[in-house]
Amino acid sequence: MASTLNPYLGFTDNARQAMEFYKSVFGGDLTLNTFGDFGNQENADKIMHALLKTPSGFTLMAADTVPGMERGSGSSISVSVSGDDSDELRGYWEKLSEGGNVAVPLEKQAWGDEFGMCVDRFGITWMVNITQG
């Protein structure tokens, strides 16, 4: 089996809502396991592990941070989605940027591609790059 590299996002207490949002953006199958599923009733409703597998072949994982553990801000990490399917990528951009903050509007850049960067409503930084012919 080949190795894979997959983003694993951390949230304070809204991993369920974030992953349901990402499912609405990318489609696919979402599996949610709570801490309660594994016997931790103190944090029963928090997400211990979430897995989203999309039709485009993306895998996105996430979890809530349990009390007592520190959660970093994540400001040094961005999730990048790129390719040449303009309609698909523009659709992702519209949904990811809605309710968030656009740092760089999705538009043609000096290197010839269309590129945009935003922070979504859950505080995750996304970069979308549409490769030009």
C-alpha atoms as a PDB file:
ATOM      1  CA  MET A   1       0.000   0.000   0.000  1.00  0.00           C
ATOM      2  CA  ALA A   2       1.293   3.463  -0.883  1.00  0.00           C
ATOM      3  CA  SER A   3       1.774   6.060   1.846  1.00  0.00           C
ATOM      4  CA  THR A   4      -0.525   9.056   2.018  1.00  0.00           C
ATOM      5  CA  LEU A   5      -0.346  12.497   3.584  1.00  0.00           C
ATOM      6  CA  ASN A   6      -3.643  13.782   4.990  1.00  0.00           C
ATOM      7  CA  PRO A   7      -4.538  16.971   6.866  1.00  0.00           C
ATOM      8  CA  TYR A   8      -5.679  16.366  10.448  1.00  0.00           C
ATOM      9  CA  LEU A   9      -7.446  19.425  11.832  1.00  0.00           C
ATOM     10  CA  GLY A  10      -7.868  20.244  15.512  1.00  0.00           C
ATOM     11  CA  PHE A  11     -10.864  22.064  16.974  1.00  0.00           C
ATOM     12  CA  THR A  12     -11.836  23.099  20.476  1.00  0.00           C
ATOM     13  CA  ASP A  13     -15.426  21.874  20.525  1.00  0.00           C
ATOM     14  CA  ASN A  14     -16.879  22.249  17.034  1.00  0.00           C
ATOM     15  CA  ALA A  15     -15.228  19.454  15.022  1.00  0.00           C
ATOM     16  CA  ARG A  16     -18.644  17.933  14.264  1.00  0.00           C
ATOM     17  CA  GLN A  17     -19.974  21.189  12.801  1.00  0.00           C
ATOM     18  CA  ALA A  18     -16.744  21.841  10.878  1.00  0.00           C
ATOM     19  CA  MET A  19     -16.625  18.364   9.356  1.00  0.00           C
ATOM     20  CA  GLU A  20     -20.305  18.477   8.412  1.00  0.00           C
ATOM     21  CA  PHE A  21     -19.550  21.812   6.721  1.00  0.00           C
ATOM     22  CA  TYR A  22     -16.576  20.319   4.834  1.00  0.00           C
ATOM     23  CA  LYS A  23     -18.810  17.438   3.732  1.00  0.00           C
ATOM     24  CA  SER A  24     -21.234  20.029   2.302  1.00  0.00           C
ATOM     25  CA  VAL A  25     -18.290  21.631   0.458  1.00  0.00           C
ATOM     26  CA  PHE A  26     -16.514  18.555  -0.889  1.00  0.00           C
ATOM     27  CA  GLY A  27     -19.161  15.803  -0.707  1.00  0.00           C
ATOM     28  CA  GLY A  28     -18.253  12.275   0.259  1.00  0.00           C
ATOM     29  CA  ASP A  29     -18.624   9.970   3.223  1.00  0.00           C
ATOM     30  CA  LEU A  30     -18.177  11.299   6.763  1.00  0.00           C
ATOM     31  CA  THR A  31     -17.502   9.042   9.741  1.00  0.00           C
ATOM     32  CA  LEU A  32     -17.688  10.568  13.225  1.00  0.00           C
ATOM     33  CA  ASN A  33     -16.523   8.819  16.396  1.00  0.00           C
ATOM     34  CA  THR A  34     -17.121  10.522  19.732  1.00  0.00           C
ATOM     35  CA  PHE A  35     -15.151  10.105  22.930  1.00  0.00           C
ATOM     36  CA  GLY A  36     -18.355   8.604  24.363  1.00  0.00           C
ATOM     37  CA  ASP A  37     -18.179   5.830  21.753  1.00  0.00           C
ATOM     38  CA  PHE A  38     -14.969   4.737  23.475  1.00  0.00           C
ATOM     39  CA  GLY A  39     -16.171   5.057  27.062  1.00  0.00           C
ATOM     40  CA  ASN A  40     -15.199   8.646  27.916  1.00  0.00           C
ATOM     41  CA  GLN A  41     -18.521   9.952  29.222  1.00  0.00           C
ATOM     42  CA  GLU A  42     -16.996  13.185  30.520  1.00  0.00           C
ATOM     43  CA  ASN A  43     -16.408  14.289  26.904  1.00  0.00           C
ATOM     44  CA  ALA A  44     -19.051  12.023  25.371  1.00  0.00           C
ATOM     45  CA  ASP A  45     -20.258  14.424  22.663  1.00  0.00           C
ATOM     46  CA  LYS A  46     -16.850  15.660  21.528  1.00  0.00           C
ATOM     47  CA  ILE A  47     -15.328  14.189  18.391  1.00  0.00           C
ATOM     48  CA  MET A  48     -12.416  11.833  19.024  1.00  0.00           C
ATOM     49  CA  HIS A  49     -11.890  11.131  15.320  1.00  0.00           C
ATOM     50  CA  ALA A  50     -13.629  12.340  12.166  1.00  0.00           C
ATOM     51  CA  LEU A  51     -12.851  11.070   8.685  1.00  0.00           C
ATOM     52  CA  LEU A  52     -14.132  12.567   5.433  1.00  0.00           C
ATOM     53  CA  LYS A  53     -13.396  10.711   2.189  1.00  0.00           C
ATOM     54  CA  THR A  54     -14.472  12.690  -0.868  1.00  0.00           C
ATOM     55  CA  PRO A  55     -15.346  11.640  -4.415  1.00  0.00           C
ATOM     56  CA  SER A  56     -12.316  13.638  -5.635  1.00  0.00           C
ATOM     57  CA  GLY A  57      -9.989  11.456  -3.558  1.00  0.00           C
ATOM     58  CA  PHE A  58      -9.390  13.900  -0.696  1.00  0.00           C
ATOM     59  CA  THR A  59      -9.124  12.601   2.841  1.00  0.00           C
ATOM     60  CA  LEU A  60      -9.656  15.093   5.646  1.00  0.00           C
ATOM     61  CA  MET A  61      -9.513  14.167   9.332  1.00  0.00           C
ATOM     62  CA  ALA A  62     -10.256  16.097  12.522  1.00  0.00           C
ATOM     63  CA  ALA A  63     -10.879  15.903  16.255  1.00  0.00           C
ATOM     64  CA  ASP A  64     -11.880  18.060  19.194  1.00  0.00           C
ATOM     65  CA  THR A  65      -9.203  18.870  21.746  1.00  0.00           C
ATOM     66  CA  VAL A  66     -10.170  17.452  25.118  1.00  0.00           C
ATOM     67  CA  PRO A  67      -9.948  19.552  28.283  1.00  0.00           C
ATOM     68  CA  GLY A  68      -6.445  19.523  29.704  1.00  0.00           C
ATOM     69  CA  MET A  69      -4.753  19.460  26.310  1.00  0.00           C
ATOM     70  CA  GLU A  70      -3.528  22.627  24.642  1.00  0.00           C
ATOM     71  CA  ARG A  71      -4.661  23.477  21.144  1.00  0.00           C
ATOM     72  CA  GLY A  72      -2.320  25.548  18.975  1.00  0.00           C
ATOM     73  CA  SER A  73      -3.765  28.252  16.777  1.00  0.00           C
ATOM     74  CA  GLY A  74      -2.745  26.507  13.558  1.00  0.00           C
ATOM     75  CA  SER A  75      -1.582  29.767  12.016  1.00  0.00           C
ATOM     76  CA  SER A  76       1.434  28.077  10.445  1.00  0.00           C
ATOM     77  CA  ILE A  77      -0.662  25.592   8.470  1.00  0.00           C
ATOM     78  CA  SER A  78      -2.872  26.070   5.407  1.00  0.00           C
ATOM     79  CA  VAL A  79      -4.831  23.480   3.449  1.00  0.00           C
ATOM     80  CA  SER A  80      -4.324  23.786  -0.312  1.00  0.00           C
ATOM     81  CA  VAL A  81      -6.726  22.535  -2.967  1.00  0.00           C
ATOM     82  CA  SER A  82      -5.546  22.790  -6.553  1.00  0.00           C
ATOM     83  CA  GLY A  83      -6.206  21.479 -10.026  1.00  0.00           C
ATOM     84  CA  ASP A  84      -7.554  22.478 -13.414  1.00  0.00           C
ATOM     85  CA  ASP A  85     -11.303  21.906 -12.947  1.00  0.00           C
ATOM     86  CA  SER A  86     -12.330  25.544 -12.665  1.00  0.00           C
ATOM     87  CA  ASP A  87     -16.014  24.897 -11.913  1.00  0.00           C
ATOM     88  CA  GLU A  88     -15.265  22.389  -9.149  1.00  0.00           C
ATOM     89  CA  LEU A  89     -12.597  24.573  -7.518  1.00  0.00           C
ATOM     90  CA  ARG A  90     -14.689  27.754  -7.763  1.00  0.00           C
ATOM     91  CA  GLY A  91     -17.501  25.867  -6.042  1.00  0.00           C
ATOM     92  CA  TYR A  92     -15.164  24.891  -3.196  1.00  0.00           C
ATOM     93  CA  TRP A  93     -13.950  28.517  -2.966  1.00  0.00           C
ATOM     94  CA  GLU A  94     -17.462  29.960  -2.764  1.00  0.00           C
ATOM     95  CA  LYS A  95     -18.455  27.609   0.050  1.00  0.00           C
ATOM     96  CA  LEU A  96     -15.183  27.808   2.007  1.00  0.00           C
ATOM     97  CA  SER A  97     -15.010  31.611   1.906  1.00  0.00           C
ATOM     98  CA  GLU A  98     -18.697  32.174   2.750  1.00  0.00           C
ATOM     99  CA  GLY A  99     -18.890  33.449   6.312  1.00  0.00           C
ATOM    100  CA  GLY A 100     -15.097  33.556   6.582  1.00  0.00           C
ATOM    101  CA  ASN A 101     -12.419  36.110   5.775  1.00  0.00           C
ATOM    102  CA  VAL A 102     -10.879  36.435   2.316  1.00  0.00           C
ATOM    103  CA  ALA A 103      -7.177  37.277   2.536  1.00  0.00           C
ATOM    104  CA  VAL A 104      -6.524  37.021  -1.222  1.00  0.00           C
ATOM    105  CA  PRO A 105      -9.490  37.129  -3.619  1.00  0.00           C
ATOM    106  CA  LEU A 106      -9.711  34.258  -6.110  1.00  0.00           C
ATOM    107  CA  GLU A 107      -8.334  35.891  -9.243  1.00  0.00           C
ATOM    108  CA  LYS A 108      -5.557  35.607 -11.825  1.00  0.00           C
ATOM    109  CA  GLN A 109      -2.092  35.935 -10.259  1.00  0.00           C
ATOM    110  CA  ALA A 110       1.341  36.878 -11.569  1.00  0.00           C
ATOM    111  CA  TRP A 111       2.260  33.215 -12.173  1.00  0.00           C
ATOM    112  CA  GLY A 112      -0.754  32.827 -14.494  1.00  0.00           C
ATOM    113  CA  ASP A 113      -3.038  30.703 -12.328  1.00  0.00           C
ATOM    114  CA  GLU A 114      -6.137  31.812 -10.476  1.00  0.00           C
ATOM    115  CA  PHE A 115      -5.457  31.750  -6.742  1.00  0.00           C
ATOM    116  CA  GLY A 116      -7.300  32.743  -3.591  1.00  0.00           C
ATOM    117  CA  MET A 117      -6.746  32.374   0.136  1.00  0.00           C
ATOM    118  CA  CYS A 118      -9.335  32.569   2.903  1.00  0.00           C
ATOM    119  CA  VAL A 119      -9.889  31.653   6.517  1.00  0.00           C
ATOM    120  CA  ASP A 120     -13.159  29.751   6.812  1.00  0.00           C
ATOM    121  CA  ARG A 121     -15.767  30.239   9.534  1.00  0.00           C
ATOM    122  CA  PHE A 122     -13.995  27.607  11.660  1.00  0.00           C
ATOM    123  CA  GLY A 123     -10.605  29.370  11.554  1.00  0.00           C
ATOM    124  CA  ILE A 124      -8.930  27.068   9.004  1.00  0.00           C
ATOM    125  CA  THR A 125      -6.824  28.712   6.276  1.00  0.00           C
ATOM    126  CA  TRP A 126      -7.535  27.443   2.751  1.00  0.00           C
ATOM    127  CA  MET A 127      -5.669  28.129  -0.489  1.00  0.00           C
ATOM    128  CA  VAL A 128      -7.377  27.406  -3.815  1.00  0.00           C
ATOM    129  CA  ASN A 129      -5.293  27.377  -7.008  1.00  0.00           C
ATOM    130  CA  ILE A 130      -6.844  26.857 -10.432  1.00  0.00           C
ATOM    131  CA  THR A 131      -4.153  25.852 -12.887  1.00  0.00           C
ATOM    132  CA  GLN A 132      -4.382  27.588 -16.257  1.00  0.00           C
ATOM    133  CA  GLY A 133      -3.876  25.497 -19.421  1.00  0.00           C
END
